[in-house]
Amino acid sequence: MAQGWLEYMSEEYLAFIKRFVLASGSLKDVAACYGISYPTVRLRLDRLIAKIAVVENMDIRSEFERLLRTQHAEGRIDADTLKTLLAAHRKDRESQRDRVSRPRSR
């Protein structure tokens, strides 16, 4: 990954990161700047941390899985949907491997 986790960040998250840094990490100042509550800022920061952790997790080799997990970290898909989609993806990958490894009959 050339840019690492930054390439997975939307413009919204990049703006949040910039504002957070300019506020010297003060969640209270970020909340005031956005006009939102402290818990809302904390939730956004927690989601950002989770998203970076997913992107940096070297155990995740599939780009599809990484994308799904970042969407979950952002709160865009729920845990049940994540599990369902990952299970379907893994099953599909296994069936593709089975087709490739099976000798062709003539």
N, C-alpha and C. Protein backbone atom coordinates (compact mmCIF):
# COMPACT_ATOMS: atom_id res chain seq x y z
N MET A 1 0.84 -1.19 0.00
CA MET A 1 0.00 0.00 0.00
C MET A 1 0.88 1.24 0.00
N ALA A 2 0.82 1.97 -1.06
CA ALA A 2 1.67 3.15 -1.18
C ALA A 2 1.33 4.21 -0.14
N GLN A 3 0.07 4.59 -0.07
CA GLN A 3 -0.34 5.62 0.87
C GLN A 3 -0.91 5.03 2.17
N GLY A 4 -1.06 3.74 2.21
CA GLY A 4 -1.59 3.12 3.41
C GLY A 4 -3.02 3.52 3.68
N TRP A 5 -3.29 3.76 4.94
CA TRP A 5 -4.66 4.00 5.39
C TRP A 5 -5.26 5.27 4.81
N LEU A 6 -4.44 6.24 4.42
CA LEU A 6 -4.98 7.50 3.89
C LEU A 6 -5.81 7.31 2.63
N GLU A 7 -5.44 6.35 1.81
CA GLU A 7 -6.18 6.15 0.57
C GLU A 7 -7.60 5.61 0.80
N TYR A 8 -7.87 5.13 2.00
CA TYR A 8 -9.20 4.64 2.34
C TYR A 8 -10.08 5.71 2.98
N MET A 9 -9.56 6.89 3.17
CA MET A 9 -10.30 7.95 3.85
C MET A 9 -11.09 8.80 2.85
N SER A 10 -12.35 9.03 3.19
CA SER A 10 -13.18 9.92 2.38
C SER A 10 -12.77 11.36 2.66
N GLU A 11 -13.23 12.26 1.84
CA GLU A 11 -12.95 13.69 2.06
C GLU A 11 -13.46 14.14 3.42
N GLU A 12 -14.59 13.59 3.83
CA GLU A 12 -15.17 13.92 5.13
C GLU A 12 -14.23 13.51 6.27
N TYR A 13 -13.69 12.29 6.19
CA TYR A 13 -12.77 11.84 7.23
C TYR A 13 -11.46 12.62 7.20
N LEU A 14 -10.97 12.95 6.01
CA LEU A 14 -9.74 13.75 5.92
C LEU A 14 -9.94 15.12 6.54
N ALA A 15 -11.10 15.71 6.30
CA ALA A 15 -11.40 17.02 6.90
C ALA A 15 -11.48 16.90 8.42
N PHE A 16 -12.07 15.82 8.91
CA PHE A 16 -12.16 15.59 10.35
C PHE A 16 -10.75 15.44 10.95
N ILE A 17 -9.90 14.66 10.29
CA ILE A 17 -8.53 14.47 10.77
C ILE A 17 -7.80 15.81 10.84
N LYS A 18 -7.94 16.61 9.79
CA LYS A 18 -7.29 17.92 9.75
C LYS A 18 -7.79 18.81 10.90
N ARG A 19 -9.09 18.84 11.07
CA ARG A 19 -9.67 19.66 12.13
C ARG A 19 -9.23 19.18 13.51
N PHE A 20 -9.16 17.87 13.68
CA PHE A 20 -8.72 17.27 14.95
C PHE A 20 -7.27 17.68 15.25
N VAL A 21 -6.42 17.59 14.25
CA VAL A 21 -5.01 17.96 14.44
C VAL A 21 -4.89 19.45 14.74
N LEU A 22 -5.62 20.29 13.99
CA LEU A 22 -5.56 21.73 14.22
C LEU A 22 -6.10 22.12 15.59
N ALA A 23 -6.99 21.28 16.13
CA ALA A 23 -7.52 21.52 17.47
C ALA A 23 -6.64 20.88 18.54
N SER A 24 -5.45 20.46 18.15
CA SER A 24 -4.49 19.81 19.05
C SER A 24 -5.09 18.61 19.76
N GLY A 25 -5.99 17.91 19.09
CA GLY A 25 -6.57 16.70 19.65
C GLY A 25 -7.68 16.93 20.65
N SER A 26 -8.14 18.17 20.77
CA SER A 26 -9.20 18.47 21.72
C SER A 26 -10.57 18.13 21.11
N LEU A 27 -11.18 17.07 21.64
CA LEU A 27 -12.50 16.68 21.14
C LEU A 27 -13.53 17.76 21.43
N LYS A 28 -13.37 18.44 22.55
CA LYS A 28 -14.28 19.52 22.93
C LYS A 28 -14.22 20.64 21.88
N ASP A 29 -13.02 21.00 21.44
CA ASP A 29 -12.87 22.04 20.42
C ASP A 29 -13.42 21.59 19.07
N VAL A 30 -13.20 20.34 18.73
CA VAL A 30 -13.73 19.81 17.47
C VAL A 30 -15.26 19.82 17.51
N ALA A 31 -15.84 19.42 18.63
CA ALA A 31 -17.30 19.43 18.77
C ALA A 31 -17.85 20.84 18.60
N ALA A 32 -17.18 21.81 19.21
CA ALA A 32 -17.63 23.20 19.10
C ALA A 32 -17.51 23.69 17.66
N CYS A 33 -16.44 23.31 17.00
CA CYS A 33 -16.22 23.74 15.62
C CYS A 33 -17.30 23.18 14.67
N TYR A 34 -17.66 21.92 14.87
CA TYR A 34 -18.68 21.28 14.04
C TYR A 34 -20.10 21.60 14.52
N GLY A 35 -20.21 22.09 15.73
CA GLY A 35 -21.54 22.36 16.29
C GLY A 35 -22.28 21.09 16.64
N ILE A 36 -21.53 20.08 17.10
CA ILE A 36 -22.13 18.81 17.49
C ILE A 36 -21.68 18.47 18.91
N SER A 37 -22.24 17.42 19.48
CA SER A 37 -21.93 17.06 20.86
C SER A 37 -20.59 16.33 20.95
N TYR A 38 -20.03 16.37 22.13
CA TYR A 38 -18.78 15.65 22.42
C TYR A 38 -18.92 14.15 22.13
N PRO A 39 -20.02 13.49 22.58
CA PRO A 39 -20.16 12.05 22.28
C PRO A 39 -20.19 11.75 20.78
N THR A 40 -20.76 12.65 19.99
CA THR A 40 -20.78 12.45 18.54
C THR A 40 -19.37 12.51 17.97
N VAL A 41 -18.57 13.45 18.44
CA VAL A 41 -17.18 13.54 18.00
C VAL A 41 -16.41 12.30 18.44
N ARG A 42 -16.65 11.86 19.67
CA ARG A 42 -15.97 10.66 20.19
C ARG A 42 -16.31 9.45 19.34
N LEU A 43 -17.59 9.32 18.94
CA LEU A 43 -18.01 8.21 18.09
C LEU A 43 -17.30 8.27 16.74
N ARG A 44 -17.23 9.45 16.16
CA ARG A 44 -16.55 9.61 14.87
C ARG A 44 -15.08 9.24 14.99
N LEU A 45 -14.43 9.67 16.07
CA LEU A 45 -13.02 9.33 16.29
C LEU A 45 -12.86 7.82 16.48
N ASP A 46 -13.75 7.21 17.25
CA ASP A 46 -13.68 5.76 17.45
C ASP A 46 -13.83 5.01 16.13
N ARG A 47 -14.73 5.48 15.27
CA ARG A 47 -14.91 4.86 13.95
C ARG A 47 -13.66 5.05 13.08
N LEU A 48 -13.06 6.21 13.17
CA LEU A 48 -11.83 6.48 12.42
C LEU A 48 -10.72 5.54 12.88
N ILE A 49 -10.57 5.39 14.17
CA ILE A 49 -9.56 4.48 14.72
C ILE A 49 -9.81 3.05 14.25
N ALA A 50 -11.06 2.61 14.30
CA ALA A 50 -11.41 1.26 13.86
C ALA A 50 -11.11 1.07 12.38
N LYS A 51 -11.39 2.09 11.59
CA LYS A 51 -11.15 2.01 10.14
C LYS A 51 -9.66 1.90 9.85
N ILE A 52 -8.86 2.69 10.53
CA ILE A 52 -7.41 2.62 10.34
C ILE A 52 -6.89 1.25 10.76
N ALA A 53 -7.40 0.73 11.86
CA ALA A 53 -6.98 -0.59 12.34
C ALA A 53 -7.30 -1.67 11.31
N VAL A 54 -8.46 -1.59 10.68
CA VAL A 54 -8.83 -2.57 9.66
C VAL A 54 -7.88 -2.47 8.47
N VAL A 55 -7.63 -1.27 8.02
CA VAL A 55 -6.77 -1.08 6.85
C VAL A 55 -5.35 -1.57 7.13
N GLU A 56 -4.87 -1.34 8.32
CA GLU A 56 -3.50 -1.71 8.68
C GLU A 56 -3.36 -3.19 9.07
N ASN A 57 -4.47 -3.90 9.23
CA ASN A 57 -4.44 -5.30 9.62
C ASN A 57 -3.92 -6.15 8.46
N MET A 58 -2.72 -6.64 8.61
CA MET A 58 -2.08 -7.42 7.55
C MET A 58 -2.68 -8.82 7.40
N ASP A 59 -3.51 -9.25 8.36
CA ASP A 59 -4.15 -10.55 8.26
C ASP A 59 -5.28 -10.54 7.23
N ILE A 60 -5.77 -9.36 6.91
CA ILE A 60 -6.84 -9.24 5.92
C ILE A 60 -6.18 -9.11 4.55
N ARG A 61 -6.28 -10.16 3.76
CA ARG A 61 -5.61 -10.17 2.46
C ARG A 61 -6.55 -9.80 1.31
N SER A 62 -7.82 -10.03 1.50
CA SER A 62 -8.80 -9.76 0.45
C SER A 62 -9.20 -8.28 0.47
N GLU A 63 -9.11 -7.65 -0.68
CA GLU A 63 -9.51 -6.25 -0.78
C GLU A 63 -11.00 -6.10 -0.51
N PHE A 64 -11.78 -7.08 -0.93
CA PHE A 64 -13.22 -7.06 -0.68
C PHE A 64 -13.50 -7.08 0.81
N GLU A 65 -12.82 -7.97 1.54
CA GLU A 65 -13.02 -8.04 2.99
C GLU A 65 -12.58 -6.73 3.66
N ARG A 66 -11.46 -6.17 3.22
CA ARG A 66 -10.98 -4.92 3.80
C ARG A 66 -12.01 -3.81 3.58
N LEU A 67 -12.58 -3.75 2.38
CA LEU A 67 -13.59 -2.74 2.08
C LEU A 67 -14.83 -2.94 2.95
N LEU A 68 -15.29 -4.18 3.08
CA LEU A 68 -16.45 -4.45 3.92
C LEU A 68 -16.20 -4.04 5.37
N ARG A 69 -15.03 -4.38 5.86
CA ARG A 69 -14.71 -4.07 7.25
C ARG A 69 -14.55 -2.57 7.48
N THR A 70 -14.06 -1.84 6.48
CA THR A 70 -13.97 -0.38 6.65
C THR A 70 -15.37 0.23 6.62
N GLN A 71 -16.26 -0.32 5.80
CA GLN A 71 -17.64 0.16 5.77
C GLN A 71 -18.32 -0.09 7.12
N HIS A 72 -18.04 -1.23 7.72
CA HIS A 72 -18.58 -1.54 9.04
C HIS A 72 -18.00 -0.60 10.09
N ALA A 73 -16.69 -0.34 10.02
CA ALA A 73 -16.04 0.55 10.98
C ALA A 73 -16.64 1.96 10.91
N GLU A 74 -17.05 2.36 9.72
CA GLU A 74 -17.67 3.68 9.55
C GLU A 74 -19.13 3.70 9.98
N GLY A 75 -19.69 2.54 10.27
CA GLY A 75 -21.09 2.47 10.67
C GLY A 75 -22.04 2.43 9.49
N ARG A 76 -21.51 2.16 8.31
CA ARG A 76 -22.34 2.12 7.10
C ARG A 76 -23.06 0.80 6.93
N ILE A 77 -22.49 -0.28 7.48
CA ILE A 77 -23.18 -1.58 7.47
C ILE A 77 -23.12 -2.16 8.88
N ASP A 78 -24.15 -2.89 9.25
CA ASP A 78 -24.20 -3.45 10.61
C ASP A 78 -23.42 -4.77 10.67
N ALA A 79 -23.23 -5.26 11.87
CA ALA A 79 -22.43 -6.47 12.09
C ALA A 79 -23.03 -7.70 11.41
N ASP A 80 -24.36 -7.84 11.45
CA ASP A 80 -25.00 -8.99 10.81
C ASP A 80 -24.78 -8.98 9.30
N THR A 81 -24.91 -7.81 8.69
CA THR A 81 -24.69 -7.69 7.25
C THR A 81 -23.24 -8.01 6.92
N LEU A 82 -22.32 -7.51 7.73
CA LEU A 82 -20.90 -7.80 7.53
C LEU A 82 -20.66 -9.31 7.55
N LYS A 83 -21.18 -9.99 8.56
CA LYS A 83 -20.98 -11.44 8.69
C LYS A 83 -21.59 -12.19 7.50
N THR A 84 -22.78 -11.79 7.09
CA THR A 84 -23.45 -12.44 5.97
C THR A 84 -22.66 -12.29 4.68
N LEU A 85 -22.21 -11.07 4.40
CA LEU A 85 -21.46 -10.81 3.17
C LEU A 85 -20.10 -11.50 3.19
N LEU A 86 -19.42 -11.49 4.33
CA LEU A 86 -18.13 -12.17 4.43
C LEU A 86 -18.28 -13.68 4.24
N ALA A 87 -19.32 -14.25 4.83
CA ALA A 87 -19.55 -15.69 4.68
C ALA A 87 -19.82 -16.04 3.22
N ALA A 88 -20.63 -15.24 2.55
CA ALA A 88 -20.92 -15.48 1.13
C ALA A 88 -19.66 -15.33 0.29
N HIS A 89 -18.85 -14.34 0.60
CA HIS A 89 -17.61 -14.10 -0.14
C HIS A 89 -16.64 -15.27 0.04
N ARG A 90 -16.50 -15.73 1.27
CA ARG A 90 -15.59 -16.87 1.54
C ARG A 90 -16.07 -18.14 0.84
N LYS A 91 -17.39 -18.36 0.87
CA LYS A 91 -17.95 -19.54 0.21
C LYS A 91 -17.69 -19.46 -1.30
N ASP A 92 -17.86 -18.29 -1.87
CA ASP A 92 -17.62 -18.10 -3.30
C ASP A 92 -16.14 -18.34 -3.64
N ARG A 93 -15.24 -17.83 -2.80
CA ARG A 93 -13.81 -18.03 -3.03
C ARG A 93 -13.43 -19.50 -2.93
N GLU A 94 -14.02 -20.20 -1.97
CA GLU A 94 -13.74 -21.63 -1.82
C GLU A 94 -14.22 -22.41 -3.04
N SER A 95 -15.41 -22.08 -3.53
CA SER A 95 -15.93 -22.80 -4.70
C SER A 95 -15.09 -22.49 -5.94
N GLN A 96 -14.57 -21.27 -6.04
CA GLN A 96 -13.68 -20.94 -7.15
C GLN A 96 -12.39 -21.74 -7.07
N ARG A 97 -11.83 -21.86 -5.84
CA ARG A 97 -10.60 -22.65 -5.65
C ARG A 97 -10.85 -24.12 -5.98
N ASP A 98 -12.03 -24.62 -5.59
CA ASP A 98 -12.37 -26.02 -5.88
C ASP A 98 -12.43 -26.25 -7.39
N ARG A 99 -13.02 -25.31 -8.12
CA ARG A 99 -13.12 -25.44 -9.58
C ARG A 99 -11.75 -25.41 -10.23
N VAL A 100 -10.87 -24.58 -9.73
CA VAL A 100 -9.53 -24.46 -10.29
C VAL A 100 -8.70 -25.71 -9.99
N SER A 101 -8.84 -26.26 -8.79
CA SER A 101 -8.01 -27.39 -8.38
C SER A 101 -8.52 -28.73 -8.89
N ARG A 102 -9.78 -28.80 -9.31
CA ARG A 102 -10.33 -30.05 -9.84
C ARG A 102 -9.77 -30.34 -11.22
N PRO A 103 -9.28 -31.55 -11.43
CA PRO A 103 -8.80 -31.88 -12.79
C PRO A 103 -9.98 -31.96 -13.75
N ARG A 104 -9.75 -31.48 -14.94
CA ARG A 104 -10.81 -31.51 -15.96
C ARG A 104 -10.93 -32.91 -16.53
N SER A 105 -12.17 -33.34 -16.70
CA SER A 105 -12.38 -34.65 -17.32
C SER A 105 -12.58 -34.44 -18.81
N ARG A 106 -12.13 -35.43 -19.59
CA ARG A 106 -12.23 -35.29 -21.06
C ARG A 106 -13.22 -36.23 -21.63
